[in-house]
């Protein structure tokens, strides 16, 4: 109820709750007593198959007693727990308090295990089978929505299983990405380049990765690239991890390597909030995951593109 600026809603919930419980009791009482003249048997008026009538008998006492018990339980609940919106309940129970108690209990059990792994570097943690299993479960609960359950990525979400890294694939770089997040932005260049300029740059970018392209247009696009794009992607298109600018000389594309996809990226840019088309933002997880969990999931992610037991890159 803290989201409301008036106590009216709390009062409304109180009235509705209490009146509903009382109304149930009155209805139950009214249906438990049959008013009839002496010697007469009343029916509900329903008739089936010409002679099959439904008699208006009261509910069995055991059945009515069960309903009365639920009514008493409901009133007791409103006294003991915050069910009215105004009164917090005798026990003072809250969802936040329950969450904190469960979290404290889990921390008491798993905290020492997290602390043990925190004392180890990421390659060592990644080589531990138990740690990898824990990191996998943390990944599935917090990262798979974007990067996929197999960490293979999707359009706008990097593949974490290869050796291509926007911000670096060293253990501490991965841990920093998870902890603090990343917010890369590709500015829209369409207004500056014009339609023809965009087409030429597209051809040059495709030539960098050995894709089919128009050589004449690519030559014209090279000069434009040097002016507008080289500051981030480098003069040879090798990228710049400090800025999160991707390498353009391979066949790995975050938003697609077709002419249409590259043109869209150049014209409209890429950037914005997470989980929306065109986003390049990696949200920070330091407020969501403990340091121990971040350490474990970072080790798991690092191990996806490495041989965890030997610390060497896997064959691509």
Protein backbone atom coordinates (compact mmCIF):
# COMPACT_ATOMS: atom_id res chain seq x y z
CA UNK A 1 0.00 0.00 0.00
CA UNK A 2 3.02 2.31 0.24
CA UNK A 3 2.59 3.13 -3.46
CA UNK A 4 -0.67 4.98 -2.75
CA UNK A 5 -0.66 8.56 -1.53
CA UNK A 6 -3.97 8.29 0.35
CA UNK A 7 -5.16 6.06 3.20
CA UNK A 8 -8.48 5.73 1.38
CA UNK A 9 -7.38 2.57 -0.38
CA UNK A 10 -6.31 0.94 2.85
CA UNK A 11 -9.71 1.75 4.37
CA UNK A 12 -11.45 0.44 1.26
CA UNK A 13 -9.59 -2.88 1.51
CA UNK A 14 -10.45 -3.13 5.22
CA UNK A 15 -14.15 -2.54 4.60
CA UNK A 16 -14.36 -4.92 1.66
CA UNK A 17 -12.46 -7.67 3.51
CA UNK A 18 -14.45 -7.48 6.74
CA UNK A 19 -17.84 -7.03 5.05
CA UNK A 20 -17.13 -9.96 2.73
CA UNK A 21 -16.34 -12.28 5.64
CA UNK A 22 -19.45 -11.18 7.57
CA UNK A 23 -21.61 -11.53 4.45
CA UNK A 24 -20.39 -15.10 4.01
CA UNK A 25 -21.39 -15.88 7.61
CA UNK A 26 -24.86 -14.35 7.15
CA UNK A 27 -25.40 -16.23 3.89
CA UNK A 28 -24.31 -19.49 5.48
CA UNK A 29 -26.66 -18.97 8.43
CA UNK A 30 -29.58 -18.17 6.14
CA UNK A 31 -29.00 -21.37 4.18
CA UNK A 32 -28.77 -23.48 7.30
CA UNK A 33 -32.34 -22.79 8.47
CA UNK A 34 -35.45 -23.98 6.61
CA UNK A 35 -38.63 -22.07 7.31
CA UNK A 36 -41.68 -24.20 6.65
CA UNK A 37 -45.17 -24.81 7.99
CA UNK A 38 -45.70 -27.77 10.28
CA UNK A 39 -46.07 -31.00 8.34
CA UNK A 40 -45.11 -29.56 4.97
CA UNK A 41 -41.99 -30.44 2.99
CA UNK A 42 -40.74 -27.59 0.81
CA UNK A 43 -38.89 -28.01 -2.45
CA UNK A 44 -36.76 -25.60 -4.42
CA UNK A 45 -39.22 -25.74 -7.27
CA UNK A 46 -36.82 -27.62 -9.54
CA UNK A 47 -38.32 -30.68 -11.21
CA UNK A 48 -36.64 -33.25 -13.50
CA UNK A 49 -38.08 -36.21 -15.36
CA UNK A 50 -41.62 -35.18 -14.32
CA UNK A 51 -41.40 -36.44 -10.73
CA UNK A 52 -37.84 -35.86 -9.51
CA UNK A 53 -37.88 -32.90 -7.09
CA UNK A 54 -35.11 -31.11 -5.20
CA UNK A 55 -35.97 -30.73 -1.50
CA UNK A 56 -35.03 -27.53 0.31
CA UNK A 57 -33.11 -29.11 3.18
CA UNK A 58 -30.43 -27.24 5.16
CA UNK A 59 -26.76 -28.00 4.73
CA UNK A 60 -25.42 -30.90 6.81
CA UNK A 61 -24.01 -29.63 10.09
CA UNK A 62 -20.54 -31.01 9.43
CA UNK A 63 -20.45 -29.20 6.12
CA UNK A 64 -21.71 -25.92 7.58
CA UNK A 65 -19.18 -26.28 10.41
CA UNK A 66 -16.34 -26.40 7.88
CA UNK A 67 -17.51 -23.12 6.37
CA UNK A 68 -17.75 -21.52 9.82
CA UNK A 69 -14.19 -22.63 10.52
CA UNK A 70 -12.97 -20.92 7.33
CA UNK A 71 -14.74 -17.71 8.42
CA UNK A 72 -13.07 -17.82 11.83
CA UNK A 73 -9.75 -18.52 10.10
CA UNK A 74 -10.25 -15.51 7.82
CA UNK A 75 -10.94 -13.16 10.73
CA UNK A 76 -7.94 -14.52 12.63
CA UNK A 77 -5.76 -14.01 9.57
CA UNK A 78 -6.80 -10.36 9.32
CA UNK A 79 -5.74 -9.88 12.95
CA UNK A 80 -2.42 -11.72 12.75
CA UNK A 81 -1.24 -10.73 9.24
CA UNK A 82 -1.42 -7.57 7.07
CA UNK A 83 -4.56 -8.42 5.16
CA UNK A 84 -6.51 -5.16 5.53
CA UNK A 85 -4.14 -2.60 4.05
CA UNK A 86 -4.06 -0.44 7.19
CA UNK A 87 -3.21 -2.78 10.05
CA UNK A 88 0.15 -4.55 9.79
CA UNK A 89 -0.95 -7.56 11.83
CA UNK A 90 0.02 -8.72 15.30
CA UNK A 91 2.97 -10.73 13.95
CA UNK A 92 4.33 -7.80 11.93
CA UNK A 93 4.95 -10.04 8.91
CA UNK A 94 6.03 -8.46 5.61
CA UNK A 95 7.14 -9.80 2.25
CA UNK A 96 10.38 -7.86 2.51
CA UNK A 97 11.11 -9.29 5.93
CA UNK A 98 10.40 -12.82 4.72
CA UNK A 99 12.69 -12.32 1.74
CA UNK A 100 15.49 -11.02 3.95
CA UNK A 101 15.13 -13.98 6.33
CA UNK A 102 15.28 -16.48 3.48
CA UNK A 103 18.25 -14.67 1.98
CA UNK A 104 20.05 -14.66 5.32
CA UNK A 105 19.38 -18.38 5.75
CA UNK A 106 20.75 -19.10 2.26
CA UNK A 107 23.77 -16.90 2.90
CA UNK A 108 24.52 -18.82 6.09
CA UNK A 109 24.58 -22.06 4.10
CA UNK A 110 26.27 -20.94 0.88
CA UNK A 111 28.25 -17.92 2.07
CA UNK A 112 31.30 -19.92 3.19
CA UNK A 113 31.36 -21.68 -0.19
CA UNK A 114 31.23 -18.37 -2.07
CA UNK A 115 33.99 -16.99 0.17
CA UNK A 116 36.19 -19.96 -0.62
CA UNK A 117 35.87 -19.39 -4.36
CA UNK A 118 36.35 -15.62 -3.98
CA UNK A 119 39.87 -16.31 -2.72
CA UNK A 120 40.70 -18.07 -6.00
CA UNK A 121 41.32 -16.45 -9.38
CA UNK A 122 38.81 -17.01 -12.17
CA UNK A 123 40.78 -19.63 -14.15
CA UNK A 124 41.14 -21.70 -10.98
CA UNK A 125 37.43 -21.40 -10.25
CA UNK A 126 36.57 -22.28 -13.85
CA UNK A 127 38.59 -25.47 -13.56
CA UNK A 128 36.49 -26.61 -10.59
CA UNK A 129 33.55 -28.77 -11.72
CA UNK A 130 31.38 -27.81 -8.74
CA UNK A 131 32.07 -24.11 -9.29
CA UNK A 132 31.22 -24.39 -12.99
CA UNK A 133 27.92 -26.03 -12.08
CA UNK A 134 27.10 -23.21 -9.67
CA UNK A 135 28.11 -20.61 -12.26
CA UNK A 136 25.92 -22.29 -14.85
CA UNK A 137 22.86 -22.11 -12.60
CA UNK A 138 23.50 -18.45 -11.84
CA UNK A 139 23.92 -17.81 -15.57
CA UNK A 140 20.66 -19.56 -16.43
CA UNK A 141 18.75 -17.52 -13.83
CA UNK A 142 20.21 -14.13 -14.69
CA UNK A 143 21.88 -14.11 -18.11
CA UNK A 144 20.19 -16.70 -20.34
CA UNK A 145 17.26 -14.37 -21.10
CA UNK A 146 19.58 -12.33 -23.34
CA UNK A 147 22.52 -14.57 -24.20
CA UNK A 148 20.55 -17.83 -24.46
CA UNK A 149 20.71 -20.92 -22.28
CA UNK A 150 23.70 -22.14 -24.30
CA UNK A 151 25.35 -18.67 -24.18
CA UNK A 152 25.22 -18.63 -27.98
CA UNK A 153 23.75 -15.13 -28.05
CA UNK A 154 21.16 -13.65 -30.39
CA UNK A 155 20.72 -10.54 -32.52
CA UNK A 156 22.04 -7.69 -30.40
CA UNK A 157 23.33 -10.03 -27.68
CA UNK A 158 26.91 -11.31 -28.01
CA UNK A 159 27.87 -14.95 -28.31
CA UNK A 160 29.88 -15.79 -25.17
CA UNK A 161 31.29 -19.07 -26.49
CA UNK A 162 33.71 -17.70 -29.07
CA UNK A 163 36.90 -15.62 -28.78
CA UNK A 164 35.33 -12.38 -30.07
CA UNK A 165 34.86 -9.89 -27.21
CA UNK A 166 33.54 -6.34 -27.39
CA UNK A 167 35.17 -5.25 -24.13
CA UNK A 168 37.82 -7.92 -23.72
CA UNK A 169 37.77 -11.57 -22.77
CA UNK A 170 40.31 -11.52 -19.95
CA UNK A 171 38.94 -12.79 -16.61
CA UNK A 172 38.85 -9.39 -14.92
CA UNK A 173 37.35 -7.71 -18.00
CA UNK A 174 34.50 -10.22 -18.01
CA UNK A 175 33.97 -9.71 -14.29
CA UNK A 176 33.87 -5.94 -14.78
CA UNK A 177 31.28 -6.31 -17.56
CA UNK A 178 29.03 -8.33 -15.27
CA UNK A 179 29.56 -6.15 -12.21
CA UNK A 180 29.29 -2.66 -13.68
CA UNK A 181 27.57 -3.37 -16.99
CA UNK A 182 28.46 -1.90 -20.38
CA UNK A 183 26.78 0.89 -22.31
CA UNK A 184 28.11 1.01 -25.85
CA UNK A 185 26.59 3.39 -28.37
CA UNK A 186 26.87 3.46 -32.17
CA UNK A 187 25.75 6.97 -33.23
CA UNK A 188 23.43 7.35 -36.24
CA UNK A 189 25.45 8.56 -39.22
CA UNK A 190 22.71 8.59 -41.83
CA UNK A 191 22.12 12.38 -41.72
CA UNK A 192 25.84 13.07 -42.00
CA UNK A 193 26.68 10.59 -44.76
CA UNK A 194 23.58 10.71 -46.89
CA UNK A 195 22.13 7.78 -48.76
CA UNK A 196 25.01 7.44 -51.20
CA UNK A 197 27.61 7.74 -48.48
CA UNK A 198 25.93 5.03 -46.42
CA UNK A 199 25.89 2.68 -49.42
CA UNK A 200 29.61 3.24 -50.03
CA UNK A 201 30.55 2.65 -46.40
CA UNK A 202 28.47 -0.54 -46.37
CA UNK A 203 30.49 -1.85 -49.32
CA UNK A 204 33.78 -0.97 -47.64
CA UNK A 205 32.75 -2.61 -44.36
CA UNK A 206 31.77 -5.77 -46.22
CA UNK A 207 35.13 -5.76 -47.96
CA UNK A 208 36.92 -5.75 -44.59
CA UNK A 209 35.49 -9.18 -43.77
CA UNK A 210 35.94 -10.60 -47.25
CA UNK A 211 32.26 -10.51 -48.19
CA UNK A 212 30.95 -9.87 -51.67
CA UNK A 213 31.08 -6.14 -52.39
CA UNK A 214 31.27 -3.45 -55.06
CA UNK A 215 34.98 -2.56 -55.32
CA UNK A 216 34.38 0.94 -56.72
CA UNK A 217 31.86 1.83 -54.02
CA UNK A 218 34.13 0.31 -51.36
CA UNK A 219 37.00 2.54 -52.47
CA UNK A 220 34.80 5.60 -52.06
CA UNK A 221 33.55 4.29 -48.73
CA UNK A 222 37.10 3.84 -47.41
CA UNK A 223 37.65 7.59 -47.28
CA UNK A 224 34.34 8.14 -45.53
CA UNK A 225 35.14 5.36 -43.09
CA UNK A 226 38.47 6.98 -42.23
CA UNK A 227 36.68 10.25 -41.45
CA UNK A 228 33.64 9.05 -39.53
CA UNK A 229 34.30 5.51 -38.31
CA UNK A 230 38.02 4.92 -37.79
CA UNK A 231 38.07 6.82 -34.49
CA UNK A 232 36.15 3.95 -32.86
CA UNK A 233 36.66 0.93 -35.10
CA UNK A 234 40.28 1.74 -36.01
CA UNK A 235 41.62 2.60 -39.49
CA UNK A 236 41.79 -1.09 -40.39
CA UNK A 237 38.42 -1.97 -38.78
CA UNK A 238 40.05 -4.06 -36.04
CA UNK A 239 37.79 -2.52 -33.39
CA UNK A 240 38.55 -0.99 -30.01
CA UNK A 241 37.70 -2.89 -26.84
CA UNK A 242 38.09 0.20 -24.65
CA UNK A 243 34.99 1.63 -26.34
CA UNK A 244 33.21 -1.62 -27.08
CA UNK A 245 33.57 -0.94 -30.81
CA UNK A 246 33.35 -4.33 -32.56
CA UNK A 247 35.90 -5.75 -34.94
CA UNK A 248 34.71 -5.48 -38.55
CA UNK A 249 37.31 -7.73 -40.14
CA UNK A 250 35.77 -11.08 -39.15
CA UNK A 251 32.48 -12.80 -39.91
CA UNK A 252 30.99 -12.19 -36.46
CA UNK A 253 28.14 -9.69 -36.48
CA UNK A 254 26.12 -8.52 -33.50
CA UNK A 255 23.21 -7.21 -35.58
CA UNK A 256 23.81 -9.03 -38.88
CA UNK A 257 26.29 -8.71 -41.72
CA UNK A 258 23.93 -8.33 -44.65
CA UNK A 259 23.93 -5.11 -46.65
CA UNK A 260 20.56 -4.17 -45.19
CA UNK A 261 21.64 -4.86 -41.59
CA UNK A 262 24.91 -2.94 -41.92
CA UNK A 263 23.14 -0.02 -43.61
CA UNK A 264 20.57 0.10 -40.81
CA UNK A 265 23.33 0.16 -38.20
CA UNK A 266 25.15 3.00 -39.94
CA UNK A 267 22.04 5.06 -40.64
CA UNK A 268 20.16 4.65 -37.35
CA UNK A 269 22.96 3.72 -34.97
CA UNK A 270 22.71 1.21 -32.16
CA UNK A 271 22.05 1.97 -28.52
CA UNK A 272 19.32 2.26 -25.93
CA UNK A 273 17.82 0.25 -23.12
CA UNK A 274 18.32 -3.44 -22.56
CA UNK A 275 15.90 -5.96 -24.11
CA UNK A 276 14.78 -3.68 -26.94
CA UNK A 277 15.73 -3.84 -30.64
CA UNK A 278 19.00 -2.10 -31.35
CA UNK A 279 20.22 -2.15 -27.76
CA UNK A 280 23.90 -2.44 -26.93
CA UNK A 281 23.55 -2.05 -23.17
CA UNK A 282 24.74 -4.66 -20.70
CA UNK A 283 23.01 -3.94 -17.36
CA UNK A 284 25.05 -3.86 -14.16
CA UNK A 285 24.49 -6.84 -11.86
CA UNK A 286 26.29 -5.62 -8.75
CA UNK A 287 22.96 -4.66 -7.19
CA UNK A 288 21.37 -7.97 -8.12
CA UNK A 289 24.09 -10.54 -7.48
CA UNK A 290 26.49 -10.82 -4.60
CA UNK A 291 30.23 -10.55 -5.23
CA UNK A 292 30.56 -14.31 -4.79
CA UNK A 293 27.89 -15.05 -7.41
CA UNK A 294 29.44 -12.59 -9.86
CA UNK A 295 32.80 -14.28 -9.34
CA UNK A 296 31.31 -17.70 -10.10
CA UNK A 297 29.34 -16.65 -13.19
CA UNK A 298 32.35 -14.72 -14.53
CA UNK A 299 34.47 -17.84 -14.17
CA UNK A 300 31.79 -19.87 -15.95
CA UNK A 301 31.58 -17.39 -18.84
CA UNK A 302 35.38 -17.22 -19.15
CA UNK A 303 35.52 -21.01 -19.29
CA UNK A 304 33.04 -21.15 -22.19
CA UNK A 305 35.68 -19.90 -24.62
CA UNK A 306 38.66 -21.49 -22.89
CA UNK A 307 39.91 -24.89 -21.81
CA UNK A 308 39.28 -24.39 -18.08
CA UNK A 309 41.72 -27.11 -17.09
CA UNK A 310 44.54 -25.74 -19.20
CA UNK A 311 43.68 -22.06 -19.42
CA UNK A 312 44.15 -21.93 -23.19
CA UNK A 313 41.64 -20.79 -25.86
CA UNK A 314 39.41 -23.48 -27.29
CA UNK A 315 39.61 -24.28 -30.99
CA UNK A 316 37.17 -21.99 -32.79
